[in-house]
Amino acid sequence: VMFGMVLATGIRILSRCNYTTNRYNLYIVAISLGVGMTPTLSHDFFSKLPAVLQPLLHSGIMLATLSAVVLNVFFNGYQHHADLVKESVSDKDLKVRTVRMWLLMRKLKKNEHGE
């Protein structure tokens, strides 16, 4: 069940990724999946490396995640999008928005029932 949940979540995340406008995203996914399969396909691939690293290197999930993060920073760069950070909403504004949303939902329900 755990493997299925991880797989389903990964598929959902990968489906949101834009592969048409950014061709590097496809490379990142392909290379990371290949690196993640290394411990499964070649058990002795990392045998010459220090014993301290062995627990990390024998985990396909760890290798795939690490390679995806490194490749994403390499290909797409590390950018801080200040325009994506929303300003904090005051309590008063939040309450007003909540009441407006509630009134809108109430109106929609009335329209559905023909009232």
Protein backbone atom coordinates (compact mmCIF):
# COMPACT_ATOMS: atom_id res chain seq x y z
CA VAL A 1 0.00 0.00 0.00
CA MET A 2 2.81 2.41 0.87
CA PHE A 3 4.53 1.85 -2.48
CA GLY A 4 1.24 2.46 -4.28
CA MET A 5 0.65 5.71 -2.42
CA VAL A 6 4.15 6.97 -3.20
CA LEU A 7 3.73 5.97 -6.84
CA ALA A 8 0.30 7.59 -7.18
CA THR A 9 1.52 10.81 -5.56
CA GLY A 10 4.55 10.87 -7.83
CA ILE A 11 2.42 10.39 -10.92
CA ARG A 12 0.11 13.20 -9.82
CA ILE A 13 3.07 15.55 -9.28
CA LEU A 14 4.66 14.60 -12.60
CA SER A 15 1.38 15.18 -14.45
CA ARG A 16 1.42 18.82 -13.33
CA CYS A 17 4.87 19.40 -14.77
CA ASN A 18 5.08 21.29 -18.07
CA TYR A 19 7.10 19.27 -20.56
CA THR A 20 6.29 21.26 -23.70
CA THR A 21 7.65 24.70 -22.83
CA ASN A 22 10.57 23.46 -20.71
CA ARG A 23 12.33 20.53 -22.36
CA TYR A 24 14.70 20.16 -19.43
CA ASN A 25 11.89 18.84 -17.24
CA LEU A 26 11.73 15.69 -19.37
CA TYR A 27 15.49 15.18 -18.97
CA ILE A 28 15.22 15.66 -15.22
CA VAL A 29 12.50 13.01 -14.91
CA ALA A 30 14.23 10.53 -17.24
CA ILE A 31 17.66 10.81 -15.64
CA SER A 32 16.26 10.72 -12.10
CA LEU A 33 14.25 7.57 -12.83
CA GLY A 34 17.35 5.96 -14.32
CA VAL A 35 19.51 6.89 -11.33
CA GLY A 36 16.78 5.67 -8.98
CA MET A 37 16.77 2.26 -10.67
CA THR A 38 20.54 1.80 -10.22
CA PRO A 39 20.43 0.00 -6.83
CA THR A 40 17.78 -2.39 -8.12
CA LEU A 41 19.50 -3.24 -11.40
CA SER A 42 23.12 -3.31 -10.22
CA HIS A 43 23.59 -4.34 -6.60
CA ASP A 44 27.39 -3.88 -6.65
CA PHE A 45 27.42 -0.51 -8.44
CA PHE A 46 28.24 1.47 -5.28
CA SER A 47 30.23 -1.23 -3.45
CA LYS A 48 33.57 0.63 -3.69
CA LEU A 49 32.25 3.79 -2.03
CA PRO A 50 32.61 4.41 1.75
CA ALA A 51 30.44 2.35 4.08
CA VAL A 52 28.97 5.51 5.60
CA LEU A 53 27.23 6.28 2.30
CA GLN A 54 25.88 2.77 1.72
CA PRO A 55 22.47 3.28 3.40
CA LEU A 56 21.85 6.33 1.22
CA LEU A 57 23.14 4.77 -1.98
CA HIS A 58 21.05 1.61 -1.68
CA SER A 59 17.81 3.57 -1.59
CA GLY A 60 16.43 4.16 -5.07
CA ILE A 61 14.00 6.76 -3.76
CA MET A 62 16.83 8.69 -2.11
CA LEU A 63 18.98 8.62 -5.25
CA ALA A 64 16.10 9.63 -7.53
CA THR A 65 15.08 12.49 -5.24
CA LEU A 66 18.62 13.77 -4.83
CA SER A 67 19.33 13.62 -8.56
CA ALA A 68 16.01 15.33 -9.39
CA VAL A 69 16.74 18.21 -7.03
CA VAL A 70 20.32 18.65 -8.26
CA LEU A 71 19.31 18.41 -11.94
CA ASN A 72 16.44 20.84 -11.44
CA VAL A 73 18.76 23.42 -9.91
CA PHE A 74 21.32 22.77 -12.66
CA PHE A 75 18.93 23.00 -15.61
CA ASN A 76 16.34 25.45 -14.34
CA GLY A 77 18.44 27.40 -11.87
CA TYR A 78 17.55 28.52 -8.39
CA GLN A 79 15.18 31.43 -8.63
CA HIS A 80 13.27 33.22 -5.94
CA HIS A 81 9.95 34.34 -7.32
CA ALA A 82 9.03 37.30 -5.16
CA ASP A 83 5.99 37.98 -7.31
CA LEU A 84 4.55 34.59 -6.37
CA VAL A 85 4.73 35.30 -2.66
CA LYS A 86 1.37 36.66 -1.63
CA GLU A 87 1.00 39.41 0.87
CA SER A 88 -0.48 38.36 4.15
CA VAL A 89 -4.20 38.95 4.48
CA SER A 90 -5.45 40.75 7.55
CA ASP A 91 -8.02 39.10 9.80
CA LYS A 92 -10.65 41.63 8.79
CA ASP A 93 -10.13 40.97 5.08
CA LEU A 94 -10.24 37.24 5.69
CA LYS A 95 -13.53 37.51 7.56
CA VAL A 96 -15.05 39.64 4.79
CA ARG A 97 -13.93 37.14 2.15
CA THR A 98 -15.34 34.26 4.17
CA VAL A 99 -18.75 35.93 4.52
CA ARG A 100 -18.80 36.80 0.81
CA MET A 101 -17.96 33.22 -0.11
CA TRP A 102 -20.67 31.91 2.22
CA LEU A 103 -23.26 34.26 0.69
CA LEU A 104 -22.24 33.23 -2.82
CA MET A 105 -22.51 29.53 -1.96
CA ARG A 106 -25.92 30.12 -0.37
CA LYS A 107 -27.11 31.93 -3.49
CA LEU A 108 -25.87 29.10 -5.73
CA LYS A 109 -27.67 26.49 -3.62
CA LYS A 110 -30.91 28.47 -3.84
CA ASN A 111 -30.56 28.70 -7.62
CA GLU A 112 -30.01 24.93 -7.87
CA HIS A 113 -33.20 24.18 -5.96
CA GLY A 114 -35.22 26.76 -7.90
CA GLU A 115 -36.04 28.88 -4.91
